[in-house]
Structure formats: C-alpha cells, structure tokens
C-alpha cells in the first residue's frame, strides 16, 4: 500500500481526519516563507510532518499525530488562527506516514518542502527518524521544531534549523537514579538498543551513576527490533544489581518486564524508558508493571500552566475529550512543539524563516508542558526530567521533589512475593 497523504484542517471535526486523503495539495507559493490563500481568501500557514502511522513506531506515532492535532484544533477553532502582525492565519497540517523508516521519512520531508511547499516542519517520532528528516530540513533551510527526538547526536551537527522542546536524552535517568541512591541503591546494570536515543540514555545513565556513586556492574546492547532479551536478563540476574536500567521504546519495556518475571530476575528497581509512562503498558503486562519506574517528560499532575492551554491537568482533560484517552507525554510534547513554533511566529510578527529562527532562539516561556528555552544547539535547556512509578495501577510522579505526588516504593519485592 502506498503512502497515504493525510491533509488535515481542523476547521473540520476530528472524525474527518482519516478521510482527507483525496484533497488537492495546497497551492504552491512563489517564495519561501509566504503563504497561499484558502478558497475563501483567508490566509493559511502550511505545516508539514512525516509521522509514523505504521511500522515499529506506530503506537508512539499515533500519540505524536494526536498531539499535533490537539494544538491544530485549538489554534483554528478557539484561538482564531496564528497572529502575524495585524493579521490572523489559519493553519493546515499535511502529514504523511513515514512507516518508521528513516529513508522514507527523508523522502517525505523533501516532498513536503518541494511539492507541498510547506512553511515550517514539525518533527517525526524518535531520534532515529528525526536524524534523517532534520538533515533534509537543514539542506533546504527549513525550520523543523520537534518534541520526540532527544539523542545528543542530533545536536552535534551544527544545524541552525532544528529545535527540540523535550529534555535531552542524557538526562532521562537522572531524577530516578538520584532518588534511588537516596533510598540506598548501590549498583546498576544497563541494557539499551543500539540506536541514537537509547545510546544517549545509556551514556547518561553511566554518567549519572558515576555522579551519584553507583557501581555499574554490566552494560549490554541489543539490535533494533529485538524479539527476545532473555539472554541479557540472564546475565544481569547473575550480577544481582540493585537497579536495572533499560533504554529503548515501548515494545522493549514489555520485553524487559516479561523476561525479568520469567527468569525470576529481581532487581530492587527497574527504570525503563518510554513504556512506563504510557497507560498502555499497564494494559499490556497488567500487575507485572507494578513498581516499575520510568522517566517522563510530562504528566498531567505537574504544576505547569500557560495562557494557551491552561494547566497541565486542563490540557489533559481537553486531550481526553478530543481523543477518548489520556495523553502520554509524547502527545503533550507534540502539542508543545507546535505551540512553541506558534509563539515564535507571533513574537517574530513574520513568517520569514530567519525572523522565526531568531524568535525561537530567543524564546523563553513556561507552557502547560513546562519551560521552553533553547540553547545554541537548539535543545531545551530549561526543562528538568521527571520520574514516575507505577503504583496500584496508576502512573504517579515520584521525582523531582517539587513535582512528586507520592513517595517512591523501594525496594520492589521479589516476583514470588507480589
């Protein structure tokens, strides 16, 4: 099946999102940074994104798309469009399915730029895909703002047009490891997928282990699309660590938990990226998810607020009303991605790439998602990383202290005692 083009204007209701495949492309623009007029003469800003609808990141891609569309629904139907000087611009978002493939993502971003003539780009899900998509954006001097690529390698290429609202991957395990050391943990093992984001997570875990005095007993890597991690978990069982750190994506979290139980591997704490903060993990593995800790970019219980979406809790209520499910942090950071671009356009009072780029570099705001302030590399230097623990089937913030809603349960009991 070929790539389906989804052209979304939430001047229509959300139920029409998947039926927009046959719409004609936006009228081409004559110069970069200018916009076409809609059929009724209204001014329109065109945004584009390649986001996984199928493939290995389909679950997280769904959260990303819904996050973008939450902002789109609000900006068009409630806010009245983006203010550019004295004028209001409606927004249309063109999205394609990158199928979880970096070459496909790059090709589709090039299509968005050269054929659809979008004004700005929003990022895909994962550092893996952002790596290739952002290279095309940089080639054509097109701003790409993203919220789902945290690997340090993304920001070591000297790009001028890549901006990320999320906390960098090197800090993903910081809050959790600091808290666990305070609880008496002394040793740690680390497993990670051999791709950019998990590698950055693992590098960060080793850095923070050294910082907090944890002894690293073992580090193991595994390939993309791994189907069995029992070999790694068997090795780690022999080492009897206090903490297991797993760096990967949602499916990897499921594999880690199932393998630990099957092998009776009993670390006192399991810290796993991506999966634990998603309610679907609890659906997938049930009570076996209890006591698992996960880094989180955002939770609805956090105290952040802005003049656009209100509090984090109000954003969550809006999202759930629109989509029939609570937002993951991937959804929230995707909404925040579009919001940051929106605010920068309004502060620039222009659609000119250079003007908006300067506005992004100068951006210093607090949103429902948290503070956003980009450093010279395009990373969000202002936002701390949180940590959650699954307790009694709920995802609860346990760190940092000023955001925690409950205390950490440590040590976790052995599987046979649960």
Protein backbone atom coordinates (compact mmCIF):
# COMPACT_ATOMS: atom_id res chain seq x y z
CA UNK A 1 0.00 0.00 0.00
CA UNK A 2 1.47 3.38 -0.99
CA UNK A 3 1.95 6.31 1.29
CA UNK A 4 -1.36 7.87 2.24
CA UNK A 5 -1.34 11.57 2.40
CA UNK A 6 -3.32 12.96 5.26
CA UNK A 7 -4.10 16.61 4.89
CA UNK A 8 -5.69 17.94 7.99
CA UNK A 9 -7.60 21.10 8.64
CA UNK A 10 -9.38 21.04 11.94
CA UNK A 11 -11.82 23.54 10.67
CA UNK A 12 -13.38 20.09 10.10
CA UNK A 13 -14.17 17.89 13.06
CA UNK A 14 -11.70 15.28 14.29
CA UNK A 15 -13.79 12.48 12.82
CA UNK A 16 -12.83 13.60 9.31
CA UNK A 17 -9.10 13.32 9.91
CA UNK A 18 -8.59 9.99 8.20
CA UNK A 19 -10.90 10.78 5.30
CA UNK A 20 -8.82 13.61 3.88
CA UNK A 21 -6.61 11.53 1.61
CA UNK A 22 -8.02 12.79 -1.66
CA UNK A 23 -7.80 16.52 -1.07
CA UNK A 24 -5.76 18.52 -3.53
CA UNK A 25 -2.39 19.86 -2.36
CA UNK A 26 -2.13 23.46 -1.19
CA UNK A 27 -1.47 25.97 -3.91
CA UNK A 28 2.27 26.38 -4.39
CA UNK A 29 3.86 29.52 -3.07
CA UNK A 30 6.20 31.71 -5.01
CA UNK A 31 8.80 32.28 -2.32
CA UNK A 32 9.84 30.55 0.89
CA UNK A 33 8.06 31.99 3.91
CA UNK A 34 4.98 33.23 2.06
CA UNK A 35 1.61 31.53 2.29
CA UNK A 36 -1.21 30.68 -0.07
CA UNK A 37 -4.76 31.87 0.36
CA UNK A 38 -7.59 29.45 1.02
CA UNK A 39 -10.62 29.09 -1.23
CA UNK A 40 -12.46 31.81 0.68
CA UNK A 41 -9.48 34.14 0.64
CA UNK A 42 -8.35 33.52 4.21
CA UNK A 43 -4.62 33.40 4.82
CA UNK A 44 -3.15 29.99 5.61
CA UNK A 45 0.11 28.77 7.11
CA UNK A 46 1.03 25.29 5.91
CA UNK A 47 2.88 22.95 8.25
CA UNK A 48 4.20 19.53 7.31
CA UNK A 49 5.29 16.40 9.14
CA UNK A 50 6.29 12.81 8.42
CA UNK A 51 4.99 10.76 11.38
CA UNK A 52 4.67 7.00 11.78
CA UNK A 53 1.18 5.65 11.20
CA UNK A 54 2.51 2.15 10.52
CA UNK A 55 5.76 0.37 11.35
CA UNK A 56 7.68 -0.02 14.59
CA UNK A 57 6.75 3.42 15.94
CA UNK A 58 3.04 3.29 15.08
CA UNK A 59 1.97 3.44 18.73
CA UNK A 60 4.12 6.45 19.57
CA UNK A 61 3.39 7.95 16.14
CA UNK A 62 -0.32 7.93 16.97
CA UNK A 63 0.38 9.90 20.15
CA UNK A 64 2.51 12.35 18.17
CA UNK A 65 -0.14 12.91 15.50
CA UNK A 66 -2.87 13.37 18.08
CA UNK A 67 -0.67 15.81 19.98
CA UNK A 68 -0.16 17.93 16.87
CA UNK A 69 -3.84 17.82 16.05
CA UNK A 70 -4.84 18.86 19.57
CA UNK A 71 -2.97 22.11 19.02
CA UNK A 72 -4.37 22.41 15.48
CA UNK A 73 -7.94 22.05 16.67
CA UNK A 74 -7.39 24.66 19.36
CA UNK A 75 -5.47 27.21 17.28
CA UNK A 76 -8.01 27.22 14.45
CA UNK A 77 -11.28 26.76 16.31
CA UNK A 78 -10.69 28.56 19.60
CA UNK A 79 -7.69 30.84 19.27
CA UNK A 80 -8.76 32.07 15.85
CA UNK A 81 -5.53 31.36 14.00
CA UNK A 82 -1.94 32.48 14.48
CA UNK A 83 -1.45 36.23 14.77
CA UNK A 84 1.18 37.56 12.37
CA UNK A 85 1.36 41.27 12.91
CA UNK A 86 -2.17 42.59 12.41
CA UNK A 87 -3.44 39.53 10.54
CA UNK A 88 -4.73 36.11 11.53
CA UNK A 89 -3.66 32.97 9.69
CA UNK A 90 -5.46 29.66 9.83
CA UNK A 91 -3.21 26.59 9.87
CA UNK A 92 -3.27 23.47 7.73
CA UNK A 93 -1.15 20.47 8.55
CA UNK A 94 -0.05 17.95 5.94
CA UNK A 95 1.12 14.62 7.35
CA UNK A 96 2.49 11.52 5.69
CA UNK A 97 3.21 8.06 7.10
CA UNK A 98 6.98 7.54 7.33
CA UNK A 99 6.43 3.83 8.17
CA UNK A 100 9.14 4.02 10.82
CA UNK A 101 11.80 4.12 8.11
CA UNK A 102 14.46 6.89 8.02
CA UNK A 103 14.83 6.87 4.23
CA UNK A 104 11.07 7.16 3.81
CA UNK A 105 10.98 10.00 6.37
CA UNK A 106 13.68 11.89 4.48
CA UNK A 107 11.93 11.42 1.14
CA UNK A 108 8.59 12.60 2.53
CA UNK A 109 10.11 15.68 4.15
CA UNK A 110 11.63 16.56 0.80
CA UNK A 111 8.19 16.12 -0.77
CA UNK A 112 6.63 18.38 1.87
CA UNK A 113 9.19 21.08 1.09
CA UNK A 114 9.38 20.86 -2.70
CA UNK A 115 5.88 19.73 -3.71
CA UNK A 116 3.60 20.81 -0.88
CA UNK A 117 5.64 23.95 -0.25
CA UNK A 118 5.03 23.96 3.49
CA UNK A 119 6.16 26.97 5.51
CA UNK A 120 7.52 25.06 8.51
CA UNK A 121 8.08 21.47 9.59
CA UNK A 122 7.14 19.52 12.70
CA UNK A 123 9.28 16.52 13.61
CA UNK A 124 8.61 12.76 13.47
CA UNK A 125 8.63 10.38 16.41
CA UNK A 126 12.06 9.10 17.55
CA UNK A 127 15.62 10.30 17.26
CA UNK A 128 16.10 7.56 14.66
CA UNK A 129 13.76 9.29 12.21
CA UNK A 130 14.49 12.86 13.31
CA UNK A 131 18.12 12.30 12.35
CA UNK A 132 17.29 11.88 8.66
CA UNK A 133 14.27 14.18 8.49
CA UNK A 134 16.13 17.12 10.03
CA UNK A 135 19.02 16.69 7.59
CA UNK A 136 16.61 17.38 4.73
CA UNK A 137 15.13 20.36 6.57
CA UNK A 138 18.62 21.78 7.06
CA UNK A 139 19.50 21.18 3.40
CA UNK A 140 16.60 23.39 2.32
CA UNK A 141 16.97 25.92 5.16
CA UNK A 142 13.56 24.97 6.57
CA UNK A 143 12.83 25.19 10.28
CA UNK A 144 11.95 21.87 11.91
CA UNK A 145 10.76 22.00 15.50
CA UNK A 146 10.31 18.67 17.22
CA UNK A 147 9.43 17.06 20.53
CA UNK A 148 10.29 13.41 20.08
CA UNK A 149 13.98 13.22 19.22
CA UNK A 150 16.22 13.55 22.28
CA UNK A 151 19.51 11.93 21.21
CA UNK A 152 22.59 14.06 21.74
CA UNK A 153 23.86 13.23 18.23
CA UNK A 154 21.01 15.28 16.74
CA UNK A 155 22.50 18.43 18.19
CA UNK A 156 26.14 17.78 17.41
CA UNK A 157 25.87 18.54 13.68
CA UNK A 158 25.83 22.32 13.87
CA UNK A 159 22.32 22.59 12.39
CA UNK A 160 20.68 26.01 12.52
CA UNK A 161 17.09 24.95 11.89
CA UNK A 162 16.45 22.12 14.38
CA UNK A 163 14.79 22.94 17.70
CA UNK A 164 13.61 20.41 20.30
CA UNK A 165 11.24 21.17 23.19
CA UNK A 166 11.99 17.97 25.14
CA UNK A 167 14.64 17.36 27.77
CA UNK A 168 17.77 15.80 26.16
CA UNK A 169 18.19 12.03 26.46
CA UNK A 170 21.34 12.25 28.56
CA UNK A 171 19.12 13.47 31.44
CA UNK A 172 16.39 10.82 31.14
CA UNK A 173 17.55 8.71 34.09
CA UNK A 174 18.96 11.48 36.26
CA UNK A 175 15.98 12.08 38.58
CA UNK A 176 15.29 8.37 39.04
CA UNK A 177 18.90 7.39 39.78
CA UNK A 178 19.37 10.28 42.20
CA UNK A 179 16.23 9.26 44.08
CA UNK A 180 17.21 5.58 44.16
CA UNK A 181 20.65 6.39 45.58
CA UNK A 182 18.94 8.38 48.31
CA UNK A 183 16.95 5.21 49.06
CA UNK A 184 20.12 3.15 49.42
CA UNK A 185 20.76 1.68 45.95
CA UNK A 186 24.43 0.96 45.27
CA UNK A 187 24.69 -0.98 41.97
CA UNK A 188 23.20 -0.78 38.49
CA UNK A 189 23.12 -2.66 35.17
CA UNK A 190 22.18 -1.08 31.85
CA UNK A 191 20.70 -2.54 28.63
CA UNK A 192 19.98 -0.44 25.57
CA UNK A 193 19.03 -0.62 21.91
CA UNK A 194 21.88 0.17 19.53
CA UNK A 195 20.33 3.33 18.08
CA UNK A 196 20.80 7.04 18.77
CA UNK A 197 18.22 7.76 21.50
CA UNK A 198 18.80 4.66 23.66
CA UNK A 199 22.56 5.09 23.31
CA UNK A 200 22.26 8.63 24.67
CA UNK A 201 20.08 7.33 27.52
CA UNK A 202 22.69 4.68 28.36
CA UNK A 203 25.55 7.18 28.19
CA UNK A 204 23.57 9.43 30.50
CA UNK A 205 22.82 6.58 32.91
CA UNK A 206 26.52 5.78 33.18
CA UNK A 207 27.32 9.46 33.70
CA UNK A 208 24.75 9.86 36.49
CA UNK A 209 25.77 6.55 38.04
CA UNK A 210 29.30 7.90 38.40
CA UNK A 211 27.97 11.24 39.64
CA UNK A 212 25.89 9.61 42.38
CA UNK A 213 28.35 6.86 43.34
CA UNK A 214 26.56 3.87 41.80
CA UNK A 215 28.72 0.95 40.72
CA UNK A 216 27.96 -0.15 37.14
CA UNK A 217 28.07 -3.95 37.15
CA UNK A 218 27.29 -4.51 33.48
CA UNK A 219 26.27 -2.82 30.22
CA UNK A 220 24.68 -4.70 27.31
CA UNK A 221 23.37 -3.58 23.93
CA UNK A 222 20.86 -5.21 21.59
CA UNK A 223 19.78 -4.68 17.96
CA UNK A 224 16.79 -2.85 16.55
CA UNK A 225 13.52 -4.83 16.56
CA UNK A 226 14.82 -7.31 19.13
CA UNK A 227 12.28 -10.03 19.93
CA UNK A 228 13.98 -11.65 22.92
CA UNK A 229 16.04 -10.05 25.70
CA UNK A 230 16.24 -13.14 27.92
CA UNK A 231 19.96 -13.60 27.23
CA UNK A 232 20.75 -10.13 28.55
CA UNK A 233 18.45 -10.51 31.53
CA UNK A 234 20.01 -13.90 32.40
CA UNK A 235 23.47 -12.29 32.51
CA UNK A 236 22.18 -9.49 34.70
CA UNK A 237 20.43 -11.90 37.08
CA UNK A 238 23.81 -13.40 37.97
CA UNK A 239 25.12 -9.94 38.88
CA UNK A 240 22.31 -9.25 41.42
CA UNK A 241 22.12 -5.48 40.82
CA UNK A 242 20.03 -3.08 42.86
CA UNK A 243 18.86 -1.25 39.71
CA UNK A 244 18.13 -2.36 36.16
CA UNK A 245 18.06 0.41 33.52
CA UNK A 246 16.50 -0.36 30.15
CA UNK A 247 16.89 2.10 27.29
CA UNK A 248 14.57 1.55 24.35
CA UNK A 249 11.00 2.10 23.22
CA UNK A 250 7.57 0.82 24.23
CA UNK A 251 7.92 -2.73 22.93
CA UNK A 252 11.29 -3.09 24.65
CA UNK A 253 9.69 -2.21 28.00
CA UNK A 254 7.24 -5.09 27.56
CA UNK A 255 10.11 -7.47 26.75
CA UNK A 256 12.18 -6.39 29.76
CA UNK A 257 9.34 -6.87 32.23
CA UNK A 258 8.23 -10.23 30.85
CA UNK A 259 11.78 -11.58 30.71
CA UNK A 260 12.55 -10.44 34.27
CA UNK A 261 9.49 -12.26 35.60
CA UNK A 262 10.05 -15.41 33.57
CA UNK A 263 13.69 -15.63 34.70
CA UNK A 264 12.91 -14.58 38.29
CA UNK A 265 15.33 -11.67 37.90
CA UNK A 266 14.68 -9.44 40.93
CA UNK A 267 16.41 -6.07 40.86
CA UNK A 268 15.20 -3.77 43.62
CA UNK A 269 14.19 -1.23 40.99
CA UNK A 270 13.57 -1.29 37.22
CA UNK A 271 13.99 2.02 35.39
CA UNK A 272 12.77 1.74 31.80
CA UNK A 273 12.38 4.47 29.17
CA UNK A 274 9.21 5.29 27.18
CA UNK A 275 6.92 2.43 28.22
CA UNK A 276 6.14 3.02 31.92
CA UNK A 277 4.71 6.50 31.38
CA UNK A 278 2.19 5.12 28.86
CA UNK A 279 -1.05 3.68 30.33
CA UNK A 280 -0.99 1.08 27.58
CA UNK A 281 1.93 -0.66 29.33
CA UNK A 282 -0.35 -1.42 32.27
CA UNK A 283 -2.91 -2.82 29.82
CA UNK A 284 -0.19 -4.91 28.15
CA UNK A 285 1.50 -6.52 31.16
CA UNK A 286 -1.02 -5.89 33.92
CA UNK A 287 0.13 -6.18 37.53
CA UNK A 288 3.65 -7.06 36.40
CA UNK A 289 4.13 -3.34 35.71
CA UNK A 290 3.86 -2.56 39.45
CA UNK A 291 6.94 -0.85 40.96
CA UNK A 292 8.42 -0.11 37.51
CA UNK A 293 9.94 3.37 37.25
CA UNK A 294 10.10 5.45 34.09
CA UNK A 295 11.48 8.82 33.03
CA UNK A 296 8.78 11.26 31.99
CA UNK A 297 8.85 14.49 30.07
CA UNK A 298 5.42 15.49 31.39
CA UNK A 299 2.46 14.32 33.46
CA UNK A 300 -0.98 15.85 33.95
CA UNK A 301 -0.36 16.18 37.69
CA UNK A 302 2.56 18.61 37.19
CA UNK A 303 2.04 22.25 38.12
CA UNK A 304 2.91 23.85 34.77
CA UNK A 305 0.41 26.27 33.18
CA UNK A 306 0.17 28.84 30.38
CA UNK A 307 -2.28 31.29 28.81
CA UNK A 308 -3.00 28.95 25.89
CA UNK A 309 -3.97 25.51 27.22
CA UNK A 310 -4.16 26.40 30.90
CA UNK A 311 -2.79 23.93 33.43
CA UNK A 312 -1.28 20.54 32.64
CA UNK A 313 -4.47 18.97 34.01
CA UNK A 314 -6.67 21.18 31.82
CA UNK A 315 -4.64 20.22 28.78
CA UNK A 316 -5.08 16.56 29.69
CA UNK A 317 -8.85 16.99 30.01
CA UNK A 318 -9.03 18.69 26.62
CA UNK A 319 -6.98 15.94 25.00
CA UNK A 320 -9.06 13.15 26.52
CA UNK A 321 -12.28 14.80 25.40
CA UNK A 322 -10.94 15.04 21.86
CA UNK A 323 -9.37 11.59 21.55
CA UNK A 324 -11.12 9.43 24.16
CA UNK A 325 -7.91 8.57 26.01
CA UNK A 326 -5.49 10.37 28.34
CA UNK A 327 -2.39 11.95 26.81
CA UNK A 328 1.00 10.33 27.05
CA UNK A 329 3.97 12.62 27.47
CA UNK A 330 4.72 12.04 23.78
CA UNK A 331 1.34 13.57 22.94
CA UNK A 332 1.87 16.52 25.29
CA UNK A 333 5.32 17.29 23.97
CA UNK A 334 4.00 17.16 20.41
CA UNK A 335 1.36 19.75 21.28
CA UNK A 336 4.07 21.81 22.96
CA UNK A 337 6.20 21.52 19.82
CA UNK A 338 3.54 23.16 17.67
CA UNK A 339 2.78 25.70 20.39
CA UNK A 340 6.43 26.78 20.60
CA UNK A 341 6.51 27.38 16.84
CA UNK A 342 3.22 29.27 17.10
CA UNK A 343 4.55 31.54 19.86
CA UNK A 344 7.78 32.19 17.94
CA UNK A 345 5.85 33.17 14.79
CA UNK A 346 3.77 35.62 16.79
CA UNK A 347 6.83 37.08 18.52
CA UNK A 348 8.58 37.43 15.17
CA UNK A 349 5.43 39.01 13.67
CA UNK A 350 6.62 37.38 10.47
CA UNK A 351 6.72 34.12 8.52
CA UNK A 352 10.24 34.78 7.30
CA UNK A 353 12.49 31.83 8.19
CA UNK A 354 15.31 33.97 9.57
CA UNK A 355 12.95 36.02 11.71
CA UNK A 356 11.21 32.97 13.16
CA UNK A 357 14.56 31.25 13.74
CA UNK A 358 15.73 34.27 15.75
CA UNK A 359 12.49 34.26 17.73
CA UNK A 360 12.96 30.57 18.55
CA UNK A 361 16.50 31.22 19.74
CA UNK A 362 15.20 33.99 21.99
CA UNK A 363 12.16 32.08 23.22
CA UNK A 364 11.83 31.93 27.00
CA UNK A 365 8.35 30.80 28.06
CA UNK A 366 6.60 28.49 30.50
CA UNK A 367 3.87 26.36 28.96
CA UNK A 368 1.45 23.69 30.18
CA UNK A 369 4.28 21.28 29.27
CA UNK A 370 6.98 23.16 31.16
CA UNK A 371 9.63 25.79 30.45
CA UNK A 372 10.96 26.17 26.90
CA UNK A 373 14.23 27.98 26.29
CA UNK A 374 16.52 26.80 23.50
CA UNK A 375 20.30 26.77 23.83
CA UNK A 376 22.71 27.48 20.99
CA UNK A 377 22.34 23.91 19.70
CA UNK A 378 18.53 24.01 19.63
CA UNK A 379 18.00 21.93 22.79
CA UNK A 380 15.54 22.92 25.51
CA UNK A 381 17.97 23.89 28.25
CA UNK A 382 15.30 24.93 30.75
CA UNK A 383 13.24 21.80 31.38
CA UNK A 384 14.01 19.18 34.06
CA UNK A 385 13.16 15.50 33.61
CA UNK A 386 10.68 13.82 35.89
CA UNK A 387 10.28 10.23 37.04
CA UNK A 388 7.15 8.16 37.57
CA UNK A 389 6.46 4.86 39.28
CA UNK A 390 3.52 2.57 38.62
CA UNK A 391 1.73 2.07 41.93
CA UNK A 392 -1.59 0.22 42.27
CA UNK A 393 -2.13 0.52 38.54
CA UNK A 394 -1.55 4.29 38.48
CA UNK A 395 1.25 6.30 36.92
CA UNK A 396 2.44 8.61 39.71
CA UNK A 397 5.20 11.23 39.72
CA UNK A 398 7.90 10.47 42.30
CA UNK A 399 10.61 12.94 41.21
CA UNK A 400 11.69 15.70 41.24
CA UNK A 401 10.51 16.55 44.74
CA UNK A 402 8.62 19.70 43.73
CA UNK A 403 6.57 17.72 41.21
CA UNK A 404 6.13 14.45 43.16
CA UNK A 405 2.63 13.36 44.14
CA UNK A 406 3.74 10.32 46.15
CA UNK A 407 6.82 8.67 47.61
CA UNK A 408 8.87 6.03 45.83
CA UNK A 409 8.20 2.39 46.71
CA UNK A 410 11.66 0.85 47.17
CA UNK A 411 12.82 -1.86 47.18
CA UNK A 412 10.40 -3.74 44.93
CA UNK A 413 9.50 -7.18 46.32
CA UNK A 414 10.69 -10.32 44.55
CA UNK A 415 8.32 -11.66 41.88
CA UNK A 416 7.30 -14.58 44.09
CA UNK A 417 6.21 -12.21 46.87
CA UNK A 418 3.97 -9.99 44.75
